[in-house]
Amino acid sequence: MTRTDSDATPCDPALEQTAQAWLVRLRGTSDVAIRRAFEDWLAQRPEHAQAYARAETLWRLTEMPATRLALEEADALEIYLRPRRAPRNPRRWAYPLASVACLLAMLWLGGWWQPGDWLQDWRADYVAAPGQVAEWKLADGSYLSLDAGSAVRVRIDGGQRRVELLRGAVALRVKRDALPFVVEAGEGRARVLGTEFEVRRGAGATRVTVLQGRVAVSAGTGAGAAEEVLGAGQQVGFADGELGRPVAVDAAAALAWRQGWLSFYRQPLAEVLDELARYYPGRILLLDDALGRQPVSGSFRSDDPEAALKSLQAVLGYRQQILFGRLVVIR
């Protein structure tokens, strides 16, 4: 029988954070008095030792990504600040920040701190919060729907109708007009006059799915970029400047997230977990790349991601642990 911590006694968030604080403090000092105080705290209750053991486990999970997180955040901040001051080297701050980043990564994995994509949110005109789908009517009469955790920039003025998908997925019902409506996602774009379609950015590729009408999709913005014209019920993906071949799909199922359903057909488990993570009130961590490539088919209620995770575990038989009541570790 596959072991799960789902039925374990819920953790006390204050105790977990205290254990994490002790872990960080001990790594930065050799003070004997501090170590004695820690040992006294550890001996007070069995739960203290258990919480500290969980903190150590989570620290090990985040040690490698922590330095990368520090570098990425420093680089992102440098891009934002560059127009405001003379150039500096952000990487000289990266390694002193590694321990802090590791603690933040621990809190992120535990679900108590959600850094999100703060630069994207700062640039965005519309953002859907995690776990929520949102819809807006645009100035030209078109309707824009965002999947949970998604963000876009919108420009509908001065002779242009343009949406930039910063992350996640956007579905559009475009009002017919002589002025083309363009959606940009990374290096690619989709161009329409009037239709209903979705653009979804994933870790490996971006996919365009058409529910009604016709959409011209290109993998680049240059004049020589390859282009495919999709009709209703077709989907195409692109990545790294390469455009895939159109395939027939159940477009209504692909866009069913607007009605509260997440539908997948032979999608890798890693991609399925990424989508579920938009709705899960915590973090989902997959530690097995081979498992992540396993194909998954099925439909799940987006308002019950825990039930979806249990169904996937029952079918695929992987090991699933829940730490702190918020972090799901799959391996």
C-alpha atoms as a PDB file:
ATOM      1  CA  MET A   1       0.000   0.000   0.000  1.00  0.00           C
ATOM      2  CA  THR A   2       1.335   3.437  -0.910  1.00  0.00           C
ATOM      3  CA  ARG A   3       2.132   5.465   2.167  1.00  0.00           C
ATOM      4  CA  THR A   4       0.730   8.962   2.524  1.00  0.00           C
ATOM      5  CA  ASP A   5       0.820  11.490   5.337  1.00  0.00           C
ATOM      6  CA  SER A   6      -2.678  12.707   4.473  1.00  0.00           C
ATOM      7  CA  ASP A   7      -4.125  11.393   7.739  1.00  0.00           C
ATOM      8  CA  ALA A   8      -1.328  12.724   9.957  1.00  0.00           C
ATOM      9  CA  THR A   9      -2.027  15.255  12.700  1.00  0.00           C
ATOM     10  CA  PRO A  10      -2.008  18.769  11.177  1.00  0.00           C
ATOM     11  CA  CYS A  11       1.154  20.745  11.867  1.00  0.00           C
ATOM     12  CA  ASP A  12       1.185  23.933  13.910  1.00  0.00           C
ATOM     13  CA  PRO A  13       2.377  26.690  11.520  1.00  0.00           C
ATOM     14  CA  ALA A  14       3.897  28.687  14.399  1.00  0.00           C
ATOM     15  CA  LEU A  15       5.882  25.648  15.554  1.00  0.00           C
ATOM     16  CA  GLU A  16       7.078  24.915  12.010  1.00  0.00           C
ATOM     17  CA  GLN A  17       8.287  28.486  11.563  1.00  0.00           C
ATOM     18  CA  THR A  18      10.043  28.394  14.949  1.00  0.00           C
ATOM     19  CA  ALA A  19      11.859  25.216  13.904  1.00  0.00           C
ATOM     20  CA  GLN A  20      12.899  26.834  10.627  1.00  0.00           C
ATOM     21  CA  ALA A  21      14.122  29.916  12.509  1.00  0.00           C
ATOM     22  CA  TRP A  22      16.265  27.715  14.780  1.00  0.00           C
ATOM     23  CA  LEU A  23      17.709  25.956  11.729  1.00  0.00           C
ATOM     24  CA  VAL A  24      18.746  29.227  10.084  1.00  0.00           C
ATOM     25  CA  ARG A  25      20.131  30.619  13.337  1.00  0.00           C
ATOM     26  CA  LEU A  26      22.247  27.547  14.053  1.00  0.00           C
ATOM     27  CA  ARG A  27      23.752  27.576  10.553  1.00  0.00           C
ATOM     28  CA  GLY A  28      25.030  31.084  11.096  1.00  0.00           C
ATOM     29  CA  THR A  29      26.646  30.746  14.521  1.00  0.00           C
ATOM     30  CA  SER A  30      28.885  28.573  16.690  1.00  0.00           C
ATOM     31  CA  ASP A  31      27.808  30.323  19.900  1.00  0.00           C
ATOM     32  CA  VAL A  32      27.641  27.759  22.724  1.00  0.00           C
ATOM     33  CA  ALA A  33      24.843  29.608  24.548  1.00  0.00           C
ATOM     34  CA  ILE A  34      22.648  29.589  21.461  1.00  0.00           C
ATOM     35  CA  ARG A  35      23.231  25.886  20.959  1.00  0.00           C
ATOM     36  CA  ARG A  36      22.319  25.164  24.577  1.00  0.00           C
ATOM     37  CA  ALA A  37      19.130  27.227  24.201  1.00  0.00           C
ATOM     38  CA  PHE A  38      18.276  25.232  21.093  1.00  0.00           C
ATOM     39  CA  GLU A  39      18.860  21.923  22.905  1.00  0.00           C
ATOM     40  CA  ASP A  40      16.600  23.091  25.740  1.00  0.00           C
ATOM     41  CA  TRP A  41      13.872  23.991  23.235  1.00  0.00           C
ATOM     42  CA  LEU A  42      14.319  20.658  21.457  1.00  0.00           C
ATOM     43  CA  ALA A  43      13.880  18.714  24.694  1.00  0.00           C
ATOM     44  CA  GLN A  44      10.729  20.517  25.786  1.00  0.00           C
ATOM     45  CA  ARG A  45       8.312  18.473  23.653  1.00  0.00           C
ATOM     46  CA  PRO A  46       8.577  15.582  21.162  1.00  0.00           C
ATOM     47  CA  GLU A  47       6.795  17.807  18.632  1.00  0.00           C
ATOM     48  CA  HIS A  48       9.773  20.189  18.687  1.00  0.00           C
ATOM     49  CA  ALA A  49      12.164  17.462  17.524  1.00  0.00           C
ATOM     50  CA  GLN A  50       9.694  16.332  14.863  1.00  0.00           C
ATOM     51  CA  ALA A  51       9.261  19.884  13.564  1.00  0.00           C
ATOM     52  CA  TYR A  52      13.026  20.403  13.459  1.00  0.00           C
ATOM     53  CA  ALA A  53      13.479  17.137  11.519  1.00  0.00           C
ATOM     54  CA  ARG A  54      10.916  18.339   8.967  1.00  0.00           C
ATOM     55  CA  ALA A  55      12.722  21.674   8.712  1.00  0.00           C
ATOM     56  CA  GLU A  56      16.015  19.868   8.003  1.00  0.00           C
ATOM     57  CA  THR A  57      14.324  17.756   5.308  1.00  0.00           C
ATOM     58  CA  LEU A  58      12.867  20.834   3.655  1.00  0.00           C
ATOM     59  CA  TRP A  59      16.232  22.627   3.857  1.00  0.00           C
ATOM     60  CA  ARG A  60      17.896  19.756   1.998  1.00  0.00           C
ATOM     61  CA  LEU A  61      15.207  19.948  -0.683  1.00  0.00           C
ATOM     62  CA  THR A  62      15.850  23.661  -1.159  1.00  0.00           C
ATOM     63  CA  GLU A  63      19.643  23.945  -0.799  1.00  0.00           C
ATOM     64  CA  MET A  64      20.299  23.583  -4.532  1.00  0.00           C
ATOM     65  CA  PRO A  65      17.477  25.819  -5.798  1.00  0.00           C
ATOM     66  CA  ALA A  66      18.221  28.453  -3.171  1.00  0.00           C
ATOM     67  CA  THR A  67      21.392  29.787  -4.790  1.00  0.00           C
ATOM     68  CA  ARG A  68      19.644  29.771  -8.162  1.00  0.00           C
ATOM     69  CA  LEU A  69      16.729  31.657  -6.613  1.00  0.00           C
ATOM     70  CA  ALA A  70      19.103  34.280  -5.236  1.00  0.00           C
ATOM     71  CA  LEU A  71      20.757  34.705  -8.632  1.00  0.00           C
ATOM     72  CA  GLU A  72      17.451  34.912 -10.499  1.00  0.00           C
ATOM     73  CA  GLU A  73      15.939  37.411  -8.085  1.00  0.00           C
ATOM     74  CA  ALA A  74      19.104  39.540  -8.169  1.00  0.00           C
ATOM     75  CA  ASP A  75      19.104  39.516 -11.979  1.00  0.00           C
ATOM     76  CA  ALA A  76      15.396  40.326 -12.136  1.00  0.00           C
ATOM     77  CA  LEU A  77      15.839  43.237  -9.734  1.00  0.00           C
ATOM     78  CA  GLU A  78      18.804  44.448 -11.776  1.00  0.00           C
ATOM     79  CA  ILE A  79      16.639  44.564 -14.923  1.00  0.00           C
ATOM     80  CA  TYR A  80      14.064  46.631 -13.066  1.00  0.00           C
ATOM     81  CA  LEU A  81      16.605  49.042 -11.552  1.00  0.00           C
ATOM     82  CA  ARG A  82      18.907  49.375 -14.576  1.00  0.00           C
ATOM     83  CA  PRO A  83      17.215  52.494 -16.044  1.00  0.00           C
ATOM     84  CA  ARG A  84      17.345  54.189 -12.637  1.00  0.00           C
ATOM     85  CA  ARG A  85      21.033  53.948 -11.801  1.00  0.00           C
ATOM     86  CA  ALA A  86      24.485  53.140 -13.104  1.00  0.00           C
ATOM     87  CA  PRO A  87      25.138  49.461 -13.895  1.00  0.00           C
ATOM     88  CA  ARG A  88      26.278  47.237 -11.047  1.00  0.00           C
ATOM     89  CA  ASN A  89      27.011  43.558 -10.760  1.00  0.00           C
ATOM     90  CA  PRO A  90      24.024  41.935  -8.985  1.00  0.00           C
ATOM     91  CA  ARG A  91      25.814  38.606  -8.638  1.00  0.00           C
ATOM     92  CA  ARG A  92      28.092  39.896  -5.904  1.00  0.00           C
ATOM     93  CA  TRP A  93      24.972  39.901  -3.717  1.00  0.00           C
ATOM     94  CA  ALA A  94      23.817  36.445  -4.779  1.00  0.00           C
ATOM     95  CA  TYR A  95      25.838  34.201  -2.508  1.00  0.00           C
ATOM     96  CA  PRO A  96      25.410  36.257   0.695  1.00  0.00           C
ATOM     97  CA  LEU A  97      21.673  35.995  -0.040  1.00  0.00           C
ATOM     98  CA  ALA A  98      21.729  32.225  -0.556  1.00  0.00           C
ATOM     99  CA  SER A  99      20.827  31.315   3.029  1.00  0.00           C
ATOM    100  CA  VAL A 100      18.039  33.884   3.074  1.00  0.00           C
ATOM    101  CA  ALA A 101      16.811  32.574  -0.279  1.00  0.00           C
ATOM    102  CA  CYS A 102      16.908  29.054   1.092  1.00  0.00           C
ATOM    103  CA  LEU A 103      14.678  30.060   3.989  1.00  0.00           C
ATOM    104  CA  LEU A 104      12.318  31.818   1.586  1.00  0.00           C
ATOM    105  CA  ALA A 105      12.291  28.723  -0.603  1.00  0.00           C
ATOM    106  CA  MET A 106      11.391  26.644   2.457  1.00  0.00           C
ATOM    107  CA  LEU A 107       8.498  28.964   3.223  1.00  0.00           C
ATOM    108  CA  TRP A 108       7.495  28.905  -0.467  1.00  0.00           C
ATOM    109  CA  LEU A 109       7.458  25.117  -0.553  1.00  0.00           C
ATOM    110  CA  GLY A 110       5.491  25.034   2.669  1.00  0.00           C
ATOM    111  CA  GLY A 111       2.944  27.454   1.258  1.00  0.00           C
ATOM    112  CA  TRP A 112       3.434  30.226   3.852  1.00  0.00           C
ATOM    113  CA  TRP A 113       5.189  32.622   1.484  1.00  0.00           C
ATOM    114  CA  GLN A 114       4.193  33.050  -2.137  1.00  0.00           C
ATOM    115  CA  PRO A 115       6.770  35.102  -4.043  1.00  0.00           C
ATOM    116  CA  GLY A 116       4.908  34.516  -7.292  1.00  0.00           C
ATOM    117  CA  ASP A 117       6.249  36.265 -10.350  1.00  0.00           C
ATOM    118  CA  TRP A 118       6.354  39.722  -8.860  1.00  0.00           C
ATOM    119  CA  LEU A 119       7.935  41.406 -11.870  1.00  0.00           C
ATOM    120  CA  GLN A 120       5.265  39.949 -14.143  1.00  0.00           C
ATOM    121  CA  ASP A 121       2.528  41.091 -11.770  1.00  0.00           C
ATOM    122  CA  TRP A 122       4.069  44.559 -11.746  1.00  0.00           C
ATOM    123  CA  ARG A 123       3.983  44.675 -15.569  1.00  0.00           C
ATOM    124  CA  ALA A 124       0.546  43.085 -15.940  1.00  0.00           C
ATOM    125  CA  ASP A 125      -2.778  44.808 -16.528  1.00  0.00           C
ATOM    126  CA  TYR A 126      -4.821  41.767 -15.475  1.00  0.00           C
ATOM    127  CA  VAL A 127      -3.851  39.044 -12.980  1.00  0.00           C
ATOM    128  CA  ALA A 128      -5.862  36.027 -11.803  1.00  0.00           C
ATOM    129  CA  ALA A 129      -5.102  34.983  -8.237  1.00  0.00           C
ATOM    130  CA  PRO A 130      -4.046  31.386  -7.484  1.00  0.00           C
ATOM    131  CA  GLY A 131      -7.084  29.119  -7.350  1.00  0.00           C
ATOM    132  CA  GLN A 132      -9.344  31.611  -9.135  1.00  0.00           C
ATOM    133  CA  VAL A 133     -10.506  32.059 -12.732  1.00  0.00           C
ATOM    134  CA  ALA A 134     -11.349  35.629 -13.761  1.00  0.00           C
ATOM    135  CA  GLU A 135     -13.014  37.294 -16.770  1.00  0.00           C
ATOM    136  CA  TRP A 136     -13.019  40.867 -18.067  1.00  0.00           C
ATOM    137  CA  LYS A 137     -14.641  42.740 -20.944  1.00  0.00           C
ATOM    138  CA  LEU A 138     -12.037  44.685 -22.921  1.00  0.00           C
ATOM    139  CA  ALA A 139     -12.392  48.138 -24.424  1.00  0.00           C
ATOM    140  CA  ASP A 140     -13.081  46.753 -27.925  1.00  0.00           C
ATOM    141  CA  GLY A 141     -15.920  44.505 -26.713  1.00  0.00           C
ATOM    142  CA  SER A 142     -13.840  41.310 -26.610  1.00  0.00           C
ATOM    143  CA  TYR A 143     -13.863  39.075 -23.511  1.00  0.00           C
ATOM    144  CA  LEU A 144     -10.693  37.884 -21.780  1.00  0.00           C
ATOM    145  CA  SER A 145     -10.611  34.959 -19.310  1.00  0.00           C
ATOM    146  CA  LEU A 146      -7.541  34.106 -17.228  1.00  0.00           C
ATOM    147  CA  ASP A 147      -6.817  30.707 -15.740  1.00  0.00           C
ATOM    148  CA  ALA A 148      -5.740  30.668 -12.095  1.00  0.00           C
ATOM    149  CA  GLY A 149      -2.338  32.248 -11.458  1.00  0.00           C
ATOM    150  CA  SER A 150      -2.113  33.812 -14.940  1.00  0.00           C
ATOM    151  CA  ALA A 151      -1.121  37.336 -15.984  1.00  0.00           C
ATOM    152  CA  VAL A 152      -1.395  39.448 -19.162  1.00  0.00           C
ATOM    153  CA  ARG A 153      -0.647  42.893 -20.527  1.00  0.00           C
ATOM    154  CA  VAL A 154      -3.312  44.452 -22.761  1.00  0.00           C
ATOM    155  CA  ARG A 155      -3.030  47.268 -25.307  1.00  0.00           C
ATOM    156  CA  ILE A 156      -6.226  48.247 -27.121  1.00  0.00           C
ATOM    157  CA  ASP A 157      -5.699  51.793 -28.340  1.00  0.00           C
ATOM    158  CA  GLY A 158      -3.971  53.741 -31.069  1.00  0.00           C
ATOM    159  CA  GLY A 159      -4.913  51.324 -33.833  1.00  0.00           C
ATOM    160  CA  GLN A 160      -3.804  48.134 -32.072  1.00  0.00           C
ATOM    161  CA  ARG A 161      -5.436  45.197 -30.284  1.00  0.00           C
ATOM    162  CA  ARG A 162      -2.668  43.342 -28.526  1.00  0.00           C
ATOM    163  CA  VAL A 163      -2.396  40.989 -25.533  1.00  0.00           C
ATOM    164  CA  GLU A 164       0.906  39.728 -24.105  1.00  0.00           C
ATOM    165  CA  LEU A 165       0.581  36.508 -22.106  1.00  0.00           C
ATOM    166  CA  LEU A 166       3.138  36.775 -19.310  1.00  0.00           C
ATOM    167  CA  ARG A 167       2.319  33.416 -17.717  1.00  0.00           C
ATOM    168  CA  GLY A 168      -0.422  30.843 -17.464  1.00  0.00           C
ATOM    169  CA  ALA A 169      -3.352  30.669 -19.866  1.00  0.00           C
ATOM    170  CA  VAL A 170      -5.720  33.148 -21.472  1.00  0.00           C
ATOM    171  CA  ALA A 171      -8.948  32.432 -23.360  1.00  0.00           C
ATOM    172  CA  LEU A 172     -10.379  35.109 -25.635  1.00  0.00           C
ATOM    173  CA  ARG A 173     -13.689  35.731 -27.367  1.00  0.00           C
ATOM    174  CA  VAL A 174     -12.574  38.314 -29.877  1.00  0.00           C
ATOM    175  CA  LYS A 175     -15.090  40.786 -31.279  1.00  0.00           C
ATOM    176  CA  ARG A 176     -14.909  40.803 -35.056  1.00  0.00           C
ATOM    177  CA  ASP A 177     -13.172  43.896 -36.390  1.00  0.00           C
ATOM    178  CA  ALA A 178     -11.046  44.864 -39.371  1.00  0.00           C
ATOM    179  CA  LEU A 179      -8.197  45.499 -36.940  1.00  0.00           C
ATOM    180  CA  PRO A 180      -6.331  42.237 -36.191  1.00  0.00           C
ATOM    181  CA  PHE A 181      -6.185  40.997 -32.602  1.00  0.00           C
ATOM    182  CA  VAL A 182      -2.713  39.720 -31.671  1.00  0.00           C
ATOM    183  CA  VAL A 183      -1.721  37.581 -28.680  1.00  0.00           C
ATOM    184  CA  GLU A 184       2.010  37.327 -27.971  1.00  0.00           C
ATOM    185  CA  ALA A 185       3.500  34.572 -25.804  1.00  0.00           C
ATOM    186  CA  GLY A 186       7.266  34.410 -25.583  1.00  0.00           C
ATOM    187  CA  GLU A 187       8.686  34.302 -29.103  1.00  0.00           C
ATOM    188  CA  GLY A 188       5.408  33.322 -30.775  1.00  0.00           C
ATOM    189  CA  ARG A 189       2.103  34.949 -31.493  1.00  0.00           C
ATOM    190  CA  ALA A 190      -1.464  34.266 -32.598  1.00  0.00           C
ATOM    191  CA  ARG A 191      -3.323  36.663 -34.916  1.00  0.00           C
ATOM    192  CA  VAL A 192      -7.091  36.753 -35.478  1.00  0.00           C
ATOM    193  CA  LEU A 193      -9.946  38.965 -36.640  1.00  0.00           C
ATOM    194  CA  GLY A 194     -12.790  37.412 -34.652  1.00  0.00           C
ATOM    195  CA  THR A 195     -12.804  34.023 -32.909  1.00  0.00           C
ATOM    196  CA  GLU A 196     -12.692  32.131 -29.596  1.00  0.00           C
ATOM    197  CA  PHE A 197      -9.401  30.499 -28.632  1.00  0.00           C
ATOM    198  CA  GLU A 198      -6.867  29.849 -25.882  1.00  0.00           C
ATOM    199  CA  VAL A 199      -3.133  30.476 -25.536  1.00  0.00           C
ATOM    200  CA  ARG A 200      -1.357  28.551 -22.759  1.00  0.00           C
ATOM    201  CA  ARG A 201       2.280  28.956 -21.728  1.00  0.00           C
ATOM    202  CA  GLY A 202       3.884  25.888 -20.175  1.00  0.00           C
ATOM    203  CA  ALA A 203       7.360  25.054 -18.923  1.00  0.00           C
ATOM    204  CA  GLY A 204       8.333  23.378 -22.193  1.00  0.00           C
ATOM    205  CA  ALA A 205       6.117  24.927 -24.863  1.00  0.00           C
ATOM    206  CA  THR A 206       3.239  27.257 -25.630  1.00  0.00           C
ATOM    207  CA  ARG A 207       0.003  25.820 -27.065  1.00  0.00           C
ATOM    208  CA  VAL A 208      -2.753  27.541 -29.035  1.00  0.00           C
ATOM    209  CA  THR A 209      -6.202  25.897 -29.131  1.00  0.00           C
ATOM    210  CA  VAL A 210      -9.085  27.146 -31.299  1.00  0.00           C
ATOM    211  CA  LEU A 211     -12.712  26.724 -30.243  1.00  0.00           C
ATOM    212  CA  GLN A 212     -14.300  28.802 -33.025  1.00  0.00           C
ATOM    213  CA  GLY A 213     -13.060  30.677 -36.078  1.00  0.00           C
ATOM    214  CA  ARG A 214      -9.536  30.711 -37.477  1.00  0.00           C
ATOM    215  CA  VAL A 215      -6.228  31.705 -35.895  1.00  0.00           C
ATOM    216  CA  ALA A 216      -2.849  32.268 -37.567  1.00  0.00           C
ATOM    217  CA  VAL A 217      -0.039  31.051 -35.281  1.00  0.00           C
ATOM    218  CA  SER A 218       3.661  31.778 -35.766  1.00  0.00           C
ATOM    219  CA  ALA A 219       6.653  30.698 -33.714  1.00  0.00           C
ATOM    220  CA  GLY A 220       8.405  34.051 -34.128  1.00  0.00           C
ATOM    221  CA  THR A 221       7.725  37.692 -34.870  1.00  0.00           C
ATOM    222  CA  GLY A 222      10.012  38.059 -37.897  1.00  0.00           C
ATOM    223  CA  ALA A 223       8.842  38.174 -41.503  1.00  0.00           C
ATOM    224  CA  GLY A 224      10.218  34.692 -42.234  1.00  0.00           C
ATOM    225  CA  ALA A 225       8.688  32.968 -39.209  1.00  0.00           C
ATOM    226  CA  ALA A 226       6.806  29.741 -39.932  1.00  0.00           C
ATOM    227  CA  GLU A 227       3.031  30.082 -39.679  1.00  0.00           C
ATOM    228  CA  GLU A 228       0.068  27.720 -39.390  1.00  0.00           C
ATOM    229  CA  VAL A 229      -3.592  28.671 -39.754  1.00  0.00           C
ATOM    230  CA  LEU A 230      -5.768  26.739 -37.305  1.00  0.00           C
ATOM    231  CA  GLY A 231      -9.481  26.055 -37.548  1.00  0.00           C
ATOM    232  CA  ALA A 232     -11.994  25.082 -34.879  1.00  0.00           C
ATOM    233  CA  GLY A 233     -10.958  21.981 -32.940  1.00  0.00           C
ATOM    234  CA  GLN A 234      -7.253  22.306 -33.739  1.00  0.00           C
ATOM    235  CA  GLN A 235      -4.219  22.901 -31.556  1.00  0.00           C
ATOM    236  CA  VAL A 236      -0.562  23.653 -32.251  1.00  0.00           C
ATOM    237  CA  GLY A 237       2.467  24.104 -30.006  1.00  0.00           C
ATOM    238  CA  PHE A 238       5.681  26.069 -30.391  1.00  0.00           C
ATOM    239  CA  ALA A 239       8.966  26.360 -28.498  1.00  0.00           C
ATOM    240  CA  ASP A 240      12.440  27.767 -29.175  1.00  0.00           C
ATOM    241  CA  GLY A 241      11.348  29.226 -32.512  1.00  0.00           C
ATOM    242  CA  GLU A 242      10.017  25.876 -33.770  1.00  0.00           C
ATOM    243  CA  LEU A 243       6.356  25.447 -34.716  1.00  0.00           C
ATOM    244  CA  GLY A 244       4.774  22.020 -34.326  1.00  0.00           C
ATOM    245  CA  ARG A 245       2.186  20.356 -36.512  1.00  0.00           C
ATOM    246  CA  PRO A 246      -1.511  21.091 -35.903  1.00  0.00           C
ATOM    247  CA  VAL A 247      -3.471  18.299 -34.226  1.00  0.00           C
ATOM    248  CA  ALA A 248      -7.182  17.699 -33.695  1.00  0.00           C
ATOM    249  CA  VAL A 249      -8.331  18.172 -30.082  1.00  0.00           C
ATOM    250  CA  ASP A 250     -11.494  18.472 -28.034  1.00  0.00           C
ATOM    251  CA  ALA A 251     -11.278  22.243 -27.786  1.00  0.00           C
ATOM    252  CA  ALA A 252     -14.306  22.526 -25.497  1.00  0.00           C
ATOM    253  CA  ALA A 253     -12.619  20.177 -23.005  1.00  0.00           C
ATOM    254  CA  ALA A 254      -9.327  22.078 -23.278  1.00  0.00           C
ATOM    255  CA  LEU A 255     -11.099  25.324 -22.350  1.00  0.00           C
ATOM    256  CA  ALA A 256     -13.346  23.744 -19.699  1.00  0.00           C
ATOM    257  CA  TRP A 257     -11.301  25.404 -16.935  1.00  0.00           C
ATOM    258  CA  ARG A 258     -13.638  28.368 -17.448  1.00  0.00           C
ATOM    259  CA  GLN A 259     -16.445  26.132 -16.131  1.00  0.00           C
ATOM    260  CA  GLY A 260     -14.367  24.659 -13.296  1.00  0.00           C
ATOM    261  CA  TRP A 261     -12.954  21.533 -14.977  1.00  0.00           C
ATOM    262  CA  LEU A 262      -9.357  20.605 -15.826  1.00  0.00           C
ATOM    263  CA  SER A 263      -9.216  18.101 -18.697  1.00  0.00           C
ATOM    264  CA  PHE A 264      -6.122  16.271 -19.921  1.00  0.00           C
ATOM    265  CA  TYR A 265      -5.477  13.788 -22.704  1.00  0.00           C
ATOM    266  CA  ARG A 266      -2.159  11.927 -22.617  1.00  0.00           C
ATOM    267  CA  GLN A 267      -0.370  14.902 -21.084  1.00  0.00           C
ATOM    268  CA  PRO A 268       2.820  14.311 -19.065  1.00  0.00           C
ATOM    269  CA  LEU A 269       2.218  14.111 -15.334  1.00  0.00           C
ATOM    270  CA  ALA A 270       4.618  17.030 -14.784  1.00  0.00           C
ATOM    271  CA  GLU A 271       2.404  19.293 -16.911  1.00  0.00           C
ATOM    272  CA  VAL A 272      -0.739  18.056 -15.176  1.00  0.00           C
ATOM    273  CA  LEU A 273       0.780  18.819 -11.768  1.00  0.00           C
ATOM    274  CA  ASP A 274       1.765  22.290 -12.976  1.00  0.00           C
ATOM    275  CA  GLU A 275      -1.880  22.958 -13.845  1.00  0.00           C
ATOM    276  CA  LEU A 276      -3.175  21.533 -10.562  1.00  0.00           C
ATOM    277  CA  ALA A 277      -0.655  23.699  -8.709  1.00  0.00           C
ATOM    278  CA  ARG A 278      -2.532  26.788  -9.901  1.00  0.00           C
ATOM    279  CA  TYR A 279      -5.443  25.678  -7.731  1.00  0.00           C
ATOM    280  CA  TYR A 280      -3.737  23.889  -4.836  1.00  0.00           C
ATOM    281  CA  PRO A 281      -3.458  26.018  -1.638  1.00  0.00           C
ATOM    282  CA  GLY A 282       0.195  25.147  -1.075  1.00  0.00           C
ATOM    283  CA  ARG A 283       2.988  23.665  -3.173  1.00  0.00           C
ATOM    284  CA  ILE A 284       3.401  20.515  -5.264  1.00  0.00           C
ATOM    285  CA  LEU A 285       6.971  19.232  -5.652  1.00  0.00           C
ATOM    286  CA  LEU A 286       7.764  16.438  -8.153  1.00  0.00           C
ATOM    287  CA  LEU A 287      11.143  14.772  -7.522  1.00  0.00           C
ATOM    288  CA  ASP A 288      11.104  12.067 -10.228  1.00  0.00           C
ATOM    289  CA  ASP A 289      11.673  13.205 -13.836  1.00  0.00           C
ATOM    290  CA  ALA A 290      10.801   9.790 -15.271  1.00  0.00           C
ATOM    291  CA  LEU A 291       7.518   9.784 -13.367  1.00  0.00           C
ATOM    292  CA  GLY A 292       6.843  13.281 -14.654  1.00  0.00           C
ATOM    293  CA  ARG A 293       6.877  11.964 -18.226  1.00  0.00           C
ATOM    294  CA  GLN A 294       4.078   9.443 -17.575  1.00  0.00           C
ATOM    295  CA  PRO A 295       0.996  10.268 -19.712  1.00  0.00           C
ATOM    296  CA  VAL A 296      -2.204  11.222 -17.916  1.00  0.00           C
ATOM    297  CA  SER A 297      -5.794  11.397 -19.197  1.00  0.00           C
ATOM    298  CA  GLY A 298      -8.819  12.494 -17.216  1.00  0.00           C
ATOM    299  CA  SER A 299     -11.003  15.364 -16.010  1.00  0.00           C
ATOM    300  CA  PHE A 300     -10.841  16.843 -12.516  1.00  0.00           C
ATOM    301  CA  ARG A 301     -12.749  19.526 -10.647  1.00  0.00           C
ATOM    302  CA  SER A 302     -10.514  22.559 -10.295  1.00  0.00           C
ATOM    303  CA  ASP A 303     -12.046  23.401  -6.907  1.00  0.00           C
ATOM    304  CA  ASP A 304     -10.870  20.068  -5.434  1.00  0.00           C
ATOM    305  CA  PRO A 305      -7.187  19.618  -6.371  1.00  0.00           C
ATOM    306  CA  GLU A 306      -6.645  17.320  -3.383  1.00  0.00           C
ATOM    307  CA  ALA A 307      -9.109  14.803  -4.870  1.00  0.00           C
ATOM    308  CA  ALA A 308      -7.298  15.038  -8.207  1.00  0.00           C
ATOM    309  CA  LEU A 309      -3.968  14.265  -6.521  1.00  0.00           C
ATOM    310  CA  LYS A 310      -5.471  11.244  -4.754  1.00  0.00           C
ATOM    311  CA  SER A 311      -6.884   9.946  -8.058  1.00  0.00           C
ATOM    312  CA  LEU A 312      -3.540  10.341  -9.815  1.00  0.00           C
ATOM    313  CA  GLN A 313      -1.748   8.572  -6.972  1.00  0.00           C
ATOM    314  CA  ALA A 314      -4.233   5.666  -7.115  1.00  0.00           C
ATOM    315  CA  VAL A 315      -3.742   5.249 -10.876  1.00  0.00           C
ATOM    316  CA  LEU A 316       0.029   5.787 -11.135  1.00  0.00           C
ATOM    317  CA  GLY A 317       1.009   4.302  -7.768  1.00  0.00           C
ATOM    318  CA  TYR A 318       3.623   6.898  -6.900  1.00  0.00           C
ATOM    319  CA  ARG A 319       4.669   7.781  -3.350  1.00  0.00           C
ATOM    320  CA  GLN A 320       3.098  10.958  -2.030  1.00  0.00           C
ATOM    321  CA  GLN A 321       3.913  12.715   1.220  1.00  0.00           C
ATOM    322  CA  ILE A 322       2.348  15.815   2.714  1.00  0.00           C
ATOM    323  CA  LEU A 323       4.585  18.044   4.838  1.00  0.00           C
ATOM    324  CA  PHE A 324       3.286  20.867   7.032  1.00  0.00           C
ATOM    325  CA  GLY A 325      -0.201  20.159   5.649  1.00  0.00           C
ATOM    326  CA  ARG A 326       0.621  22.331   2.614  1.00  0.00           C
ATOM    327  CA  LEU A 327       3.571  20.820   0.735  1.00  0.00           C
ATOM    328  CA  VAL A 328       2.915  17.735  -1.422  1.00  0.00           C
ATOM    329  CA  VAL A 329       6.094  15.802  -2.297  1.00  0.00           C
ATOM    330  CA  ILE A 330       5.694  13.262  -5.121  1.00  0.00           C
ATOM    331  CA  ARG A 331       8.339  10.680  -6.018  1.00  0.00           C
END
